[in-house]
Amino acid sequence: MIEVKNIYKSFEKSGVLSEINTTFYRGKTNLIIGQSGSGKTVLLKCLLGLYEADSGEIIYDGLSSKDMSSDDKLNISREMGMVFQGSALFDSMNVLENVRFPLDMLTNIKESEKHSRAMKCIERVNLINATNKLPSELSGGMQKRVAIARAIVMNPKYLFCDEPNSGLDPKTAIVIDQLIQEITKEYNITTIINSHDMNSVIEIGENIIFLKEGYKIWQGTNKEILKSKNKEVEDFVYSSELLKKLRQ
């Protein structure tokens, strides 16, 4: 679980996040949604420790960012997995090498254990027959699955996904959503997904935080968001003409 308490973040005296208070729950798919420029990416980077908030605190399973030593910050970072928007795979490495990469860089475990853990993750995302393929030989959906396998190979407590469905067709996007949710449940991870995809919101939005202009406007579930009477939420959810017609 990650608790966010009264976070404020600015750049060049311009506030980007203001008075953010929320909780991201373990074993649930937590979504941060909002229009471009709403502060989603900045909040995600604060949670990752890439940005330091100007005020407030972030509490990781009882450990506050205010009380962290350098060693604490390093240990927390090693408990985080990240699925990047464009997958960010190494072009010259095959699937197995890409998934193994965090183990090679951050651990001193035996080669046999590295191989075993990487293969287990590859099998979990259903790519056991693609271990020797390069990223250029994979479809967009397969690349995303490799990225998910790499993100969980260190057995993280926290999984962060930045627009995991970006560039995918709707059917493949649903498969990726379901895979992320399944892994979240199986490994009991605190999963936080940065998204503007309404399909993801409806499919896997167990805990949704809606941001607008740096403020948390609304929080609830995928069932509650469709019934919300909040004007800003309604405008975002029913922004397309198709959804407006379906609502009528």
Protein backbone atom coordinates (compact mmCIF):
# COMPACT_ATOMS: atom_id res chain seq x y z
CA MET A 1 0.00 0.00 0.00
CA ILE A 2 1.13 3.53 -0.75
CA GLU A 3 -0.35 6.51 1.06
CA VAL A 4 -0.02 10.02 -0.34
CA LYS A 5 -0.45 12.85 2.15
CA ASN A 6 -0.83 16.48 1.14
CA ILE A 7 1.65 16.35 -1.74
CA TYR A 8 2.56 19.62 -3.44
CA LYS A 9 4.95 19.85 -6.39
CA SER A 10 5.89 22.85 -8.50
CA PHE A 11 8.28 23.70 -11.33
CA GLU A 12 9.63 27.25 -11.58
CA LYS A 13 7.07 28.42 -8.98
CA SER A 14 4.20 27.02 -11.03
CA GLY A 15 2.16 24.45 -9.10
CA VAL A 16 1.76 21.11 -10.88
CA LEU A 17 0.35 19.05 -8.00
CA SER A 18 -1.60 20.55 -5.09
CA GLU A 19 -2.97 19.01 -1.91
CA ILE A 20 -2.93 15.43 -3.23
CA ASN A 21 -4.25 13.00 -0.62
CA THR A 22 -4.98 9.42 -1.61
CA THR A 23 -4.24 5.75 -1.00
CA PHE A 24 -3.13 3.12 -3.51
CA TYR A 25 -4.13 -0.35 -2.31
CA ARG A 26 -2.20 -3.62 -2.39
CA GLY A 27 -3.70 -6.35 -4.53
CA LYS A 28 -5.71 -3.85 -6.57
CA THR A 29 -5.25 -2.13 -9.91
CA ASN A 30 -5.07 1.56 -9.00
CA LEU A 31 -5.53 3.96 -11.93
CA ILE A 32 -4.49 7.61 -12.21
CA ILE A 33 -6.55 9.26 -14.94
CA GLY A 34 -7.05 12.74 -16.34
CA GLN A 35 -6.43 14.84 -19.41
CA SER A 36 -2.95 15.71 -20.67
CA GLY A 37 -1.37 18.25 -18.34
CA SER A 38 -3.44 17.15 -15.34
CA GLY A 39 -0.39 16.04 -13.34
CA LYS A 40 -0.60 12.26 -13.86
CA THR A 41 3.00 11.78 -14.96
CA VAL A 42 4.39 14.10 -12.28
CA LEU A 43 2.51 12.18 -9.57
CA LEU A 44 3.78 8.89 -10.96
CA LYS A 45 7.36 10.20 -10.92
CA CYS A 46 6.93 11.40 -7.33
CA LEU A 47 5.76 7.92 -6.35
CA LEU A 48 8.77 6.41 -8.16
CA GLY A 49 11.13 8.76 -6.35
CA LEU A 50 12.26 10.44 -9.58
CA TYR A 51 10.82 13.75 -8.37
CA GLU A 52 10.90 14.98 -4.79
CA ALA A 53 7.72 16.70 -3.65
CA ASP A 54 8.06 20.25 -2.31
CA SER A 55 5.90 19.33 0.68
CA GLY A 56 3.86 16.43 2.01
CA GLU A 57 4.89 12.79 2.30
CA ILE A 58 4.55 9.43 0.58
CA ILE A 59 4.30 6.38 2.82
CA TYR A 60 5.33 2.99 1.44
CA ASP A 61 3.86 0.26 3.66
CA GLY A 62 4.51 2.32 6.78
CA LEU A 63 7.82 3.90 5.74
CA SER A 64 7.52 7.65 5.17
CA SER A 65 9.51 9.50 2.53
CA LYS A 66 10.27 12.07 5.24
CA ASP A 67 12.13 9.52 7.34
CA MET A 68 14.01 7.67 4.60
CA SER A 69 17.77 7.36 4.60
CA SER A 70 19.69 6.94 1.34
CA ASP A 71 19.74 3.18 1.94
CA ASP A 72 15.97 3.17 2.53
CA LYS A 73 15.40 4.97 -0.78
CA LEU A 74 17.64 2.46 -2.59
CA ASN A 75 15.83 -0.49 -1.03
CA ILE A 76 12.42 0.95 -1.92
CA SER A 77 13.52 1.52 -5.52
CA ARG A 78 14.52 -2.16 -5.75
CA GLU A 79 11.01 -3.11 -4.70
CA MET A 80 9.55 -1.25 -7.68
CA GLY A 81 8.82 -2.62 -11.14
CA MET A 82 8.15 -0.33 -14.10
CA VAL A 83 6.35 -0.88 -17.41
CA PHE A 84 7.28 2.03 -19.66
CA GLN A 85 4.95 3.56 -22.24
CA GLY A 86 6.96 2.31 -25.22
CA SER A 87 8.06 -0.93 -23.49
CA ALA A 88 11.71 0.34 -23.56
CA LEU A 89 13.24 -3.01 -24.48
CA PHE A 90 16.88 -3.32 -25.52
CA ASP A 91 16.95 -3.86 -29.28
CA SER A 92 20.12 -5.97 -29.23
CA MET A 93 18.91 -8.31 -26.46
CA ASN A 94 16.54 -11.22 -26.94
CA VAL A 95 13.46 -11.76 -24.76
CA LEU A 96 15.29 -13.78 -22.10
CA GLU A 97 18.14 -11.26 -21.87
CA ASN A 98 15.71 -8.34 -21.59
CA VAL A 99 13.78 -10.01 -18.77
CA ARG A 100 16.99 -11.02 -17.00
CA PHE A 101 18.47 -7.53 -17.20
CA PRO A 102 17.35 -6.28 -13.72
CA LEU A 103 18.71 -9.46 -12.13
CA ASP A 104 22.04 -9.02 -13.92
CA MET A 105 22.32 -5.37 -12.88
CA LEU A 106 20.97 -5.44 -9.32
CA THR A 107 21.62 -8.88 -7.84
CA ASN A 108 24.49 -11.26 -7.16
CA ILE A 109 22.43 -14.45 -7.29
CA LYS A 110 23.63 -17.52 -9.18
CA GLU A 111 23.28 -17.70 -12.95
CA SER A 112 21.00 -20.71 -12.62
CA GLU A 113 18.61 -18.80 -10.35
CA LYS A 114 18.62 -15.79 -12.67
CA HIS A 115 17.70 -18.05 -15.55
CA SER A 116 15.02 -19.84 -13.54
CA ARG A 117 13.37 -16.62 -12.32
CA ALA A 118 13.45 -15.02 -15.78
CA MET A 119 11.97 -18.12 -17.41
CA LYS A 120 9.23 -18.29 -14.79
CA CYS A 121 8.19 -14.71 -15.61
CA ILE A 122 8.38 -15.34 -19.35
CA GLU A 123 6.17 -18.39 -18.92
CA ARG A 124 3.71 -16.35 -16.84
CA VAL A 125 3.19 -13.87 -19.69
CA ASN A 126 2.84 -16.73 -22.22
CA LEU A 127 6.03 -16.08 -24.21
CA ILE A 128 7.86 -19.34 -23.50
CA ASN A 129 8.31 -19.97 -27.26
CA ALA A 130 9.77 -16.52 -27.90
CA THR A 131 12.74 -16.50 -25.50
CA ASN A 132 15.35 -16.16 -28.26
CA LYS A 133 13.51 -13.58 -30.35
CA LEU A 134 14.62 -9.95 -30.59
CA PRO A 135 12.14 -7.11 -29.90
CA SER A 136 12.01 -6.33 -33.65
CA GLU A 137 10.58 -9.81 -34.22
CA LEU A 138 7.72 -9.29 -31.77
CA SER A 139 4.32 -7.65 -32.12
CA GLY A 140 3.45 -4.63 -29.98
CA GLY A 141 1.42 -6.78 -27.61
CA MET A 142 4.26 -9.29 -27.23
CA GLN A 143 6.73 -6.48 -26.53
CA LYS A 144 4.43 -5.21 -23.81
CA ARG A 145 4.30 -8.69 -22.26
CA VAL A 146 8.11 -8.81 -22.23
CA ALA A 147 8.10 -5.44 -20.45
CA ILE A 148 5.66 -6.81 -17.85
CA ALA A 149 7.81 -9.91 -17.31
CA ARG A 150 10.90 -7.73 -16.81
CA ALA A 151 8.99 -5.51 -14.37
CA ILE A 152 8.05 -8.44 -12.11
CA VAL A 153 11.28 -10.46 -12.28
CA MET A 154 12.59 -8.80 -9.09
CA ASN A 155 9.40 -9.76 -7.21
CA PRO A 156 8.40 -6.12 -6.62
CA LYS A 157 5.99 -4.85 -3.98
CA TYR A 158 5.01 -2.00 -6.28
CA LEU A 159 4.29 -2.11 -10.02
CA PHE A 160 4.05 1.12 -12.02
CA CYS A 161 2.66 1.20 -15.56
CA ASP A 162 2.81 4.30 -17.74
CA GLU A 163 0.13 4.12 -20.46
CA PRO A 164 0.58 0.34 -20.89
CA ASN A 165 -1.94 0.22 -23.76
CA SER A 166 -0.38 2.98 -25.81
CA GLY A 167 -0.15 1.95 -29.48
CA LEU A 168 -2.10 -1.30 -29.06
CA ASP A 169 -5.28 -2.32 -30.83
CA PRO A 170 -8.39 -2.56 -28.57
CA LYS A 171 -8.39 -6.39 -28.38
CA THR A 172 -4.70 -6.60 -27.45
CA ALA A 173 -5.15 -3.75 -24.96
CA ILE A 174 -7.79 -5.77 -23.11
CA VAL A 175 -5.43 -8.77 -22.95
CA ILE A 176 -2.67 -6.58 -21.46
CA ASP A 177 -5.12 -5.05 -18.95
CA GLN A 178 -6.26 -8.49 -17.84
CA LEU A 179 -2.67 -9.73 -17.56
CA ILE A 180 -1.68 -6.79 -15.35
CA GLN A 181 -4.72 -7.35 -13.14
CA GLU A 182 -4.07 -11.09 -12.85
CA ILE A 183 -0.43 -10.53 -11.87
CA THR A 184 -1.49 -7.87 -9.35
CA LYS A 185 -3.75 -10.42 -7.64
CA GLU A 186 -1.35 -13.37 -7.86
CA TYR A 187 1.65 -11.51 -6.45
CA ASN A 188 -0.40 -9.20 -4.17
CA ILE A 189 1.31 -6.13 -5.65
CA THR A 190 0.38 -2.48 -5.27
CA THR A 191 -0.15 -1.68 -8.95
CA ILE A 192 -0.46 1.92 -10.15
CA ILE A 193 -1.40 2.59 -13.77
CA ASN A 194 -1.18 5.97 -15.47
CA SER A 195 -3.86 5.96 -18.17
CA HIS A 196 -6.34 7.94 -20.24
CA ASP A 197 -7.86 4.80 -21.82
CA MET A 198 -11.52 4.56 -20.83
CA ASN A 199 -11.55 0.84 -21.71
CA SER A 200 -8.91 0.27 -19.02
CA VAL A 201 -10.88 2.40 -16.57
CA ILE A 202 -13.99 0.27 -17.09
CA GLU A 203 -12.19 -3.08 -17.27
CA ILE A 204 -9.74 -2.92 -14.37
CA GLY A 205 -10.33 0.35 -12.48
CA GLU A 206 -10.66 -1.01 -8.94
CA ASN A 207 -9.42 2.26 -7.43
CA ILE A 208 -9.44 5.32 -9.68
CA ILE A 209 -7.93 8.73 -8.95
CA PHE A 210 -9.06 11.50 -11.29
CA LEU A 211 -6.77 14.53 -11.57
CA LYS A 212 -7.49 17.90 -13.11
CA GLU A 213 -5.03 20.81 -13.22
CA GLY A 214 -2.96 19.24 -10.44
CA TYR A 215 -5.82 18.58 -8.02
CA LYS A 216 -7.51 15.30 -7.11
CA ILE A 217 -11.09 15.93 -8.20
CA TRP A 218 -12.58 12.49 -7.59
CA GLN A 219 -11.77 8.98 -6.36
CA GLY A 220 -13.80 5.80 -6.70
CA THR A 221 -14.25 2.50 -8.57
CA ASN A 222 -15.03 1.59 -12.18
CA LYS A 223 -18.65 0.98 -11.19
CA GLU A 224 -18.96 4.34 -9.45
CA ILE A 225 -17.33 6.44 -12.18
CA LEU A 226 -20.09 5.72 -14.70
CA LYS A 227 -22.68 6.99 -12.22
CA SER A 228 -20.70 9.97 -10.96
CA LYS A 229 -22.49 13.32 -10.92
CA ASN A 230 -19.20 15.22 -10.76
CA LYS A 231 -19.20 17.56 -13.78
CA GLU A 232 -15.44 17.25 -14.48
CA VAL A 233 -15.62 13.45 -14.29
CA GLU A 234 -18.66 13.33 -16.57
CA ASP A 235 -16.92 15.54 -19.15
CA PHE A 236 -13.88 13.25 -19.15
CA VAL A 237 -15.72 9.92 -19.18
CA TYR A 238 -18.24 10.93 -21.83
CA SER A 239 -15.88 12.98 -23.99
CA SER A 240 -16.50 10.91 -27.12
CA GLU A 241 -19.69 11.14 -29.14
CA LEU A 242 -20.09 7.34 -29.03
CA LEU A 243 -20.11 7.22 -25.25
CA LYS A 244 -22.51 10.14 -25.11
CA LYS A 245 -24.93 8.26 -27.39
CA LEU A 246 -24.58 5.04 -25.35
CA ARG A 247 -25.38 6.98 -22.21
CA GLN A 248 -28.63 8.42 -23.61
